[in-house]
Amino acid sequence: MARALACARRGAGRCFPNPSVGAVLLRGERILGSGTTQPAGGPHAEVVALQSAVRRHGARAVRGATLVVTLEPCAHKGRTAPCCDAIIEAGIARVIAGVRDPHPHTSGRGFRRLRSKGVTVQKGVLEAECREQHRGFFSVVQRGRPWVALKLAATLDGRIATAAGESRWITGRPARALVHRLRDRHDALMIGSGAARADDPALTVRRPGHSERTPVRVLVDARLRVSPSARLFRDAGAAQTWCLCATGHGPRKRSAREARGARLLAQNARRDGHLDLRFALRRLAREGLTSVLVEGGGGLAAALLRLGLVDELHWFSAPALLGGDAHAALGALGLRRLSARVRFRPRVVRRVGADLYLHAVLGSGGSR
């Protein structure tokens, strides 16, 4: 199952709206094949593992084998045929699954279908780790929104730019390399209009030795203030830039961005002119996204935290000070009582180059 989880991690951010599942086919202690769910429309991990094993060892070697998979095999037809049917037809004798699929189309049906055909089923192996791997998929099914991770990089006094707006670079190269690895594991990267205008980021994944990949870039820009000549829009057709905006913009504003390949996801603005972020995240889930990494700015981060929409935090702290006149990493939360503070449970605290890195998940005391 640990090996299946490693396979699953390789597909993270690449196969939404499907979960990135990993599968390993074995006979005794001999690995016959392994697989990762392919991008949407492609085969699921179970089928990839079966095909790999048949190519290497032949169909006879697969009959009577054991399939280890991180998530319950599907029993319904979507873009692809049910995985359960492929498992049964291949003659698999035993299926070991990490966690039950929460989706109502599958939940328990996959196990029942397999058992009805004489396949032995065992579930719950490394269940916590499998739930963690599929947390975005679980979030969409159970809460109707993607899993939201917030990344912030600041000085020790919580500042992200000088009073004059200079911000490159707060953290060192090793920390920035880790950020690119984090980006690579998510379906989408989100940024607010203020940060996009100030920094003009490309929001791509750049890792030495790896091909450049760009998750979906989600720009929260209710008033369409970010120029269509910004880097986010320059290759919006190939890299997918989605713009969450308010309704009511004229055709000229819309067409300037759509001409560059961007998708405008419009919704009614609130009375204060801002977007309803709960509705926006539900819209992203309906569009297929399961995990979103929020990269700024401070206003968007604070708004998500106030609404209890942040599930985990990646905080990079540089050993430097900029002072009270510098730009803060986080906007106002409007807290009047200390008991209302947003608290996280640390999972990882370590040094990355000269900087400190904290990875934490929402804990007790945070709003939701």
Protein backbone atom coordinates (compact mmCIF):
# COMPACT_ATOMS: atom_id res chain seq x y z
CA MET A 1 0.00 0.00 0.00
CA ALA A 2 2.92 2.35 0.65
CA ARG A 3 4.06 1.70 -2.90
CA ALA A 4 0.53 2.35 -4.20
CA LEU A 5 0.50 5.64 -2.30
CA ALA A 6 3.79 6.59 -3.95
CA CYS A 7 2.16 5.91 -7.33
CA ALA A 8 -0.82 8.03 -6.34
CA ARG A 9 1.38 10.98 -5.36
CA ARG A 10 2.92 11.00 -8.83
CA GLY A 11 -0.44 11.86 -10.33
CA ALA A 12 -1.40 14.60 -7.87
CA GLY A 13 -2.66 17.70 -9.67
CA ARG A 14 -2.82 15.97 -13.04
CA CYS A 15 -6.05 14.02 -13.20
CA PHE A 16 -8.86 16.17 -11.78
CA PRO A 17 -11.80 15.82 -11.48
CA ASN A 18 -10.76 12.24 -10.70
CA PRO A 19 -8.73 11.48 -7.58
CA SER A 20 -5.10 10.53 -8.13
CA VAL A 21 -5.22 6.84 -7.23
CA GLY A 22 -2.30 4.43 -7.07
CA ALA A 23 -2.45 0.66 -7.63
CA VAL A 24 0.00 -2.23 -7.37
CA LEU A 25 -0.58 -5.76 -8.68
CA LEU A 26 1.32 -8.57 -6.98
CA ARG A 27 1.56 -12.30 -6.57
CA GLY A 28 3.03 -13.16 -3.22
CA GLU A 29 5.83 -10.62 -2.77
CA ARG A 30 6.46 -10.26 -6.49
CA ILE A 31 5.32 -7.00 -8.08
CA LEU A 32 3.70 -7.67 -11.44
CA GLY A 33 2.73 -4.09 -12.31
CA SER A 34 1.75 -0.71 -10.90
CA GLY A 35 -0.22 2.27 -12.09
CA THR A 36 -1.37 5.83 -11.49
CA THR A 37 -4.67 7.35 -12.60
CA GLN A 38 -4.14 9.15 -15.90
CA PRO A 39 -5.44 12.63 -16.83
CA ALA A 40 -9.22 12.95 -17.22
CA GLY A 41 -10.53 10.57 -19.86
CA GLY A 42 -7.58 8.21 -19.47
CA PRO A 43 -7.53 4.88 -17.63
CA HIS A 44 -7.70 4.67 -13.86
CA ALA A 45 -4.84 3.32 -11.76
CA GLU A 46 -6.27 -0.21 -11.54
CA VAL A 47 -6.48 -0.54 -15.32
CA VAL A 48 -3.00 0.94 -15.80
CA ALA A 49 -1.57 -1.59 -13.33
CA LEU A 50 -3.38 -4.49 -15.02
CA GLN A 51 -2.21 -3.42 -18.48
CA SER A 52 1.35 -3.04 -17.24
CA ALA A 53 1.34 -6.52 -15.71
CA VAL A 54 -0.14 -8.16 -18.82
CA ARG A 55 2.46 -6.49 -21.05
CA ARG A 56 5.32 -7.68 -18.85
CA HIS A 57 4.14 -11.10 -17.74
CA GLY A 58 1.11 -12.11 -19.82
CA ALA A 59 -2.56 -12.49 -18.92
CA ARG A 60 -2.10 -15.89 -17.25
CA ALA A 61 0.25 -14.43 -14.64
CA VAL A 62 -2.39 -11.90 -13.63
CA ARG A 63 -5.13 -14.46 -12.89
CA GLY A 64 -5.32 -15.15 -9.17
CA ALA A 65 -3.14 -12.13 -8.30
CA THR A 66 -3.76 -9.48 -5.63
CA LEU A 67 -4.51 -5.86 -6.43
CA VAL A 68 -3.62 -3.21 -3.86
CA VAL A 69 -5.30 0.16 -4.49
CA THR A 70 -5.53 3.38 -2.48
CA LEU A 71 -9.27 3.92 -3.13
CA GLU A 72 -12.25 1.63 -3.65
CA PRO A 73 -12.48 0.65 -7.35
CA CYS A 74 -15.33 2.34 -9.18
CA ALA A 75 -18.39 0.34 -10.20
CA HIS A 76 -20.06 2.90 -12.46
CA LYS A 77 -19.37 4.06 -16.00
CA GLY A 78 -18.12 7.61 -16.42
CA ARG A 79 -15.63 8.65 -19.07
CA THR A 80 -14.15 5.18 -18.73
CA ALA A 81 -15.60 1.72 -18.09
CA PRO A 82 -15.97 0.56 -14.44
CA CYS A 83 -12.69 -0.58 -12.92
CA CYS A 84 -14.50 -3.41 -11.15
CA ASP A 85 -15.34 -4.98 -14.50
CA ALA A 86 -11.70 -4.89 -15.60
CA ILE A 87 -10.61 -6.45 -12.29
CA ILE A 88 -13.17 -9.26 -12.58
CA GLU A 89 -12.38 -9.96 -16.23
CA ALA A 90 -8.65 -10.16 -15.45
CA GLY A 91 -9.32 -12.89 -12.86
CA ILE A 92 -7.98 -10.99 -9.84
CA ALA A 93 -8.51 -13.06 -6.71
CA ARG A 94 -8.07 -10.42 -4.01
CA VAL A 95 -8.43 -6.63 -3.76
CA ILE A 96 -6.94 -4.66 -0.87
CA ALA A 97 -8.21 -1.06 -0.73
CA GLY A 98 -7.02 1.77 1.46
CA VAL A 99 -10.28 3.62 1.88
CA ARG A 100 -13.90 3.45 0.79
CA ASP A 101 -14.91 5.83 -1.99
CA PRO A 102 -17.23 8.53 -0.56
CA HIS A 103 -18.93 9.25 -3.89
CA PRO A 104 -22.57 8.05 -3.84
CA HIS A 105 -22.15 6.46 -7.29
CA THR A 106 -19.47 4.14 -5.93
CA SER A 107 -19.47 4.11 -2.12
CA GLY A 108 -19.58 0.43 -1.18
CA ARG A 109 -20.87 -0.61 -4.61
CA GLY A 110 -17.39 -1.41 -5.85
CA PHE A 111 -16.73 -3.73 -2.93
CA ARG A 112 -20.13 -5.41 -3.28
CA ARG A 113 -19.66 -5.91 -7.01
CA LEU A 114 -16.26 -7.55 -6.48
CA ARG A 115 -17.49 -9.81 -3.69
CA SER A 116 -20.49 -10.89 -5.77
CA LYS A 117 -18.04 -12.26 -8.34
CA GLY A 118 -15.96 -14.16 -5.79
CA VAL A 119 -13.20 -11.59 -5.30
CA THR A 120 -11.90 -11.36 -1.73
CA VAL A 121 -11.97 -7.74 -0.50
CA GLN A 122 -10.01 -6.21 2.35
CA LYS A 123 -10.19 -2.51 3.18
CA GLY A 124 -8.72 -0.04 5.65
CA VAL A 125 -5.00 -0.66 5.04
CA LEU A 126 -3.11 2.60 5.73
CA GLU A 127 -6.52 4.23 5.70
CA ALA A 128 -5.42 7.54 7.26
CA GLU A 129 -2.64 7.94 4.69
CA CYS A 130 -5.04 7.13 1.85
CA ARG A 131 -7.57 9.65 3.13
CA GLU A 132 -4.80 12.22 3.22
CA GLN A 133 -3.82 11.41 -0.35
CA HIS A 134 -7.40 11.80 -1.55
CA ARG A 135 -8.36 14.73 0.70
CA GLY A 136 -9.25 16.96 -2.26
CA PHE A 137 -11.63 14.38 -3.72
CA PHE A 138 -13.17 13.76 -0.29
CA SER A 139 -13.57 17.52 0.21
CA VAL A 140 -15.45 17.96 -3.06
CA VAL A 141 -17.76 15.00 -2.42
CA GLN A 142 -18.45 15.74 1.25
CA ARG A 143 -18.25 19.55 1.42
CA GLY A 144 -18.84 20.65 -2.14
CA ARG A 145 -15.59 22.59 -2.43
CA PRO A 146 -11.92 21.87 -3.14
CA TRP A 147 -9.32 21.37 -0.45
CA VAL A 148 -7.69 24.78 0.12
CA ALA A 149 -4.05 25.23 1.06
CA LEU A 150 -2.63 28.68 1.85
CA LYS A 151 1.00 29.53 1.14
CA LEU A 152 2.58 32.59 2.72
CA ALA A 153 6.21 33.71 2.63
CA ALA A 154 7.14 36.53 4.99
CA THR A 155 9.82 37.96 7.23
CA LEU A 156 9.90 37.20 10.94
CA ASP A 157 7.62 40.18 11.55
CA GLY A 158 5.09 38.95 8.99
CA ARG A 159 5.95 41.30 6.13
CA ILE A 160 6.00 40.46 2.43
CA ALA A 161 7.29 43.68 0.85
CA THR A 162 8.96 46.94 1.79
CA ALA A 163 6.94 50.12 2.18
CA ALA A 164 7.89 50.92 -1.43
CA GLY A 165 6.53 47.55 -2.60
CA GLU A 166 9.80 45.68 -3.25
CA SER A 167 9.24 41.97 -2.59
CA ARG A 168 11.74 39.89 -4.60
CA TRP A 169 12.95 37.93 -2.92
CA ILE A 170 11.81 37.54 0.70
CA THR A 171 12.87 33.89 0.96
CA GLY A 172 15.87 32.08 -0.48
CA ARG A 173 16.22 29.76 -3.45
CA PRO A 174 15.67 26.46 -1.53
CA ALA A 175 12.36 27.76 -0.14
CA ARG A 176 11.26 28.91 -3.58
CA ALA A 177 12.14 25.49 -5.00
CA LEU A 178 9.91 23.88 -2.36
CA VAL A 179 7.08 26.23 -3.38
CA HIS A 180 7.34 24.91 -6.93
CA ARG A 181 7.05 21.36 -5.62
CA LEU A 182 3.93 22.40 -3.69
CA ARG A 183 2.48 23.97 -6.83
CA ASP A 184 3.11 20.77 -8.74
CA ARG A 185 0.89 18.78 -6.35
CA HIS A 186 -2.23 20.95 -6.75
CA ASP A 187 -4.90 21.16 -9.41
CA ALA A 188 -4.95 24.95 -9.32
CA LEU A 189 -3.10 28.01 -8.04
CA MET A 190 -5.16 30.97 -6.81
CA ILE A 191 -4.18 34.61 -6.51
CA GLY A 192 -6.03 37.82 -5.74
CA SER A 193 -6.11 40.84 -8.01
CA GLY A 194 -3.98 42.97 -5.67
CA ALA A 195 -1.10 40.49 -5.61
CA ALA A 196 -1.42 39.89 -9.36
CA ARG A 197 -1.15 43.60 -10.09
CA ALA A 198 1.73 44.15 -7.67
CA ASP A 199 3.89 41.15 -8.61
CA ASP A 200 2.72 40.18 -12.13
CA PRO A 201 3.46 36.46 -11.47
CA ALA A 202 3.39 33.73 -14.12
CA LEU A 203 2.26 31.07 -11.58
CA THR A 204 3.94 28.21 -13.38
CA VAL A 205 5.77 25.15 -12.05
CA ARG A 206 9.49 25.31 -12.75
CA ARG A 207 11.60 22.42 -11.49
CA PRO A 208 15.08 21.61 -12.82
CA GLY A 209 15.08 18.30 -14.64
CA HIS A 210 11.29 18.29 -15.02
CA SER A 211 9.16 19.54 -17.87
CA GLU A 212 7.42 22.82 -17.09
CA ARG A 213 3.82 22.33 -16.01
CA THR A 214 1.19 24.87 -15.21
CA PRO A 215 -1.78 23.98 -13.01
CA VAL A 216 -4.99 25.90 -13.63
CA ARG A 217 -4.39 29.52 -12.61
CA VAL A 218 -7.37 31.06 -10.81
CA LEU A 219 -7.44 34.84 -10.58
CA VAL A 220 -9.92 36.39 -8.13
CA ASP A 221 -10.66 39.72 -9.79
CA ALA A 222 -14.21 40.90 -9.19
CA ARG A 223 -13.74 44.20 -11.04
CA LEU A 224 -11.43 42.90 -13.79
CA ARG A 225 -8.67 45.27 -12.67
CA VAL A 226 -5.77 43.03 -13.74
CA SER A 227 -4.59 44.03 -17.20
CA PRO A 228 -5.11 41.50 -20.02
CA SER A 229 -1.41 42.03 -20.81
CA ALA A 230 -0.41 40.53 -17.42
CA ARG A 231 1.70 37.37 -17.43
CA LEU A 232 -1.28 35.35 -16.18
CA PHE A 233 -3.01 36.03 -19.50
CA ARG A 234 -0.10 35.76 -21.93
CA ASP A 235 -0.44 32.01 -22.41
CA ALA A 236 -3.90 31.59 -20.92
CA GLY A 237 -5.06 29.26 -23.67
CA ALA A 238 -2.31 26.68 -23.15
CA ALA A 239 -1.95 27.09 -19.39
CA GLN A 240 -5.63 27.65 -18.48
CA THR A 241 -6.32 30.88 -16.65
CA TRP A 242 -9.73 31.12 -15.03
CA CYS A 243 -10.91 34.50 -13.80
CA LEU A 244 -13.46 34.67 -11.00
CA CYS A 245 -15.22 37.98 -11.55
CA ALA A 246 -18.48 39.81 -10.95
CA THR A 247 -21.28 39.86 -13.49
CA GLY A 248 -22.10 43.02 -15.39
CA HIS A 249 -18.82 43.74 -17.14
CA GLY A 250 -19.10 45.05 -20.67
CA PRO A 251 -18.16 42.94 -23.70
CA ARG A 252 -14.98 44.93 -24.28
CA LYS A 253 -13.50 44.01 -20.91
CA ARG A 254 -14.54 40.40 -21.23
CA SER A 255 -13.36 39.91 -24.81
CA ALA A 256 -9.92 41.39 -24.05
CA ARG A 257 -9.29 38.53 -21.64
CA GLU A 258 -11.14 35.81 -23.51
CA ALA A 259 -9.15 36.66 -26.65
CA ARG A 260 -6.07 35.49 -24.77
CA GLY A 261 -7.71 32.18 -23.89
CA ALA A 262 -8.89 32.98 -20.37
CA ARG A 263 -12.19 31.68 -18.98
CA LEU A 264 -14.34 34.16 -17.10
CA LEU A 265 -16.41 32.59 -14.32
CA ALA A 266 -18.84 35.34 -13.41
CA GLN A 267 -21.04 35.52 -10.33
CA ASN A 268 -23.11 38.18 -8.59
CA ALA A 269 -20.98 40.35 -6.35
CA ARG A 270 -21.89 41.13 -2.75
CA ARG A 271 -23.04 44.62 -1.76
CA ASP A 272 -19.45 45.59 -0.90
CA GLY A 273 -18.32 44.66 -4.42
CA HIS A 274 -16.41 41.55 -3.36
CA LEU A 275 -17.15 38.00 -4.44
CA ASP A 276 -18.80 35.37 -2.27
CA LEU A 277 -15.80 33.07 -1.84
CA ARG A 278 -17.90 30.15 -0.61
CA PHE A 279 -19.89 30.26 -3.84
CA ALA A 280 -16.70 30.73 -5.85
CA LEU A 281 -15.10 27.60 -4.39
CA ARG A 282 -18.26 25.58 -5.00
CA ARG A 283 -18.12 26.76 -8.62
CA LEU A 284 -14.51 25.60 -8.91
CA ALA A 285 -15.55 22.20 -7.55
CA ARG A 286 -18.28 21.95 -10.18
CA GLU A 287 -15.62 22.73 -12.78
CA GLY A 288 -13.66 19.72 -11.53
CA LEU A 289 -10.99 21.19 -9.25
CA THR A 290 -10.23 19.21 -6.09
CA SER A 291 -7.26 21.09 -4.60
CA VAL A 292 -6.27 24.75 -4.70
CA LEU A 293 -3.05 26.39 -3.48
CA VAL A 294 -3.66 30.05 -2.60
CA GLU A 295 -0.56 32.19 -3.13
CA GLY A 296 -1.79 35.66 -2.17
CA GLY A 297 -2.35 38.32 -1.49
CA GLY A 298 -3.02 39.28 2.08
CA GLY A 299 -6.59 40.40 1.48
CA LEU A 300 -7.65 37.16 -0.21
CA ALA A 301 -5.87 35.08 2.43
CA ALA A 302 -7.61 36.95 5.25
CA ALA A 303 -11.01 36.65 3.57
CA LEU A 304 -10.63 32.89 3.20
CA LEU A 305 -9.47 32.55 6.82
CA ARG A 306 -12.38 34.65 8.11
CA LEU A 307 -14.79 32.29 6.36
CA GLY A 308 -13.03 29.14 7.59
CA LEU A 309 -12.16 28.09 4.04
CA VAL A 310 -8.47 27.31 4.59
CA ASP A 311 -7.64 23.68 5.34
CA GLU A 312 -3.86 23.76 5.58
CA LEU A 313 -1.06 26.30 5.81
CA HIS A 314 2.41 26.45 4.27
CA TRP A 315 4.28 29.28 5.97
CA PHE A 316 7.83 30.27 4.99
CA SER A 317 9.60 32.59 7.39
CA ALA A 318 12.75 34.44 6.35
CA PRO A 319 15.23 35.48 9.10
CA ALA A 320 14.79 39.19 8.43
CA LEU A 321 12.75 42.19 9.60
CA LEU A 322 11.07 44.91 7.53
CA GLY A 323 9.16 46.87 10.15
CA GLY A 324 5.65 48.16 10.66
CA ASP A 325 5.64 50.38 7.55
CA ALA A 326 6.15 47.34 5.28
CA HIS A 327 3.31 45.39 3.66
CA ALA A 328 1.73 42.74 5.88
CA ALA A 329 1.41 39.12 4.73
CA LEU A 330 -2.14 38.91 6.01
CA GLY A 331 -5.04 41.34 5.93
CA ALA A 332 -7.36 42.13 8.82
CA LEU A 333 -9.25 39.23 10.40
CA GLY A 334 -11.45 41.43 12.60
CA LEU A 335 -10.94 39.34 15.72
CA ARG A 336 -11.97 40.89 19.03
CA ARG A 337 -11.23 37.94 21.30
CA LEU A 338 -8.11 35.84 21.54
CA SER A 339 -10.30 32.74 21.76
CA ALA A 340 -11.49 33.44 18.20
CA ARG A 341 -7.99 33.21 16.72
CA VAL A 342 -7.44 30.87 13.80
CA ARG A 343 -5.29 28.03 15.07
CA PHE A 344 -3.39 25.37 13.16
CA ARG A 345 -1.88 22.06 14.22
CA PRO A 346 1.76 21.86 13.08
CA ARG A 347 2.76 18.82 11.07
CA VAL A 348 6.21 19.84 9.89
CA VAL A 349 8.59 22.50 11.16
CA ARG A 350 12.00 22.51 9.52
CA ARG A 351 14.73 24.61 8.05
CA VAL A 352 14.83 25.11 4.27
CA GLY A 353 18.09 26.79 3.40
CA ALA A 354 18.24 29.89 5.59
CA ASP A 355 14.47 30.01 6.03
CA LEU A 356 12.00 28.22 8.31
CA TYR A 357 9.10 26.21 6.92
CA LEU A 358 5.89 25.38 8.80
CA HIS A 359 3.27 23.00 7.42
CA ALA A 360 0.11 22.88 9.51
CA VAL A 361 -3.56 21.91 9.20
CA LEU A 362 -6.54 23.73 10.63
CA GLY A 363 -6.89 22.88 14.30
CA SER A 364 -9.20 23.61 17.19
CA GLY A 365 -10.07 27.24 17.70
CA GLY A 366 -10.33 28.13 14.02
CA SER A 367 -13.61 29.25 12.51
CA ARG A 368 -15.35 27.02 9.98
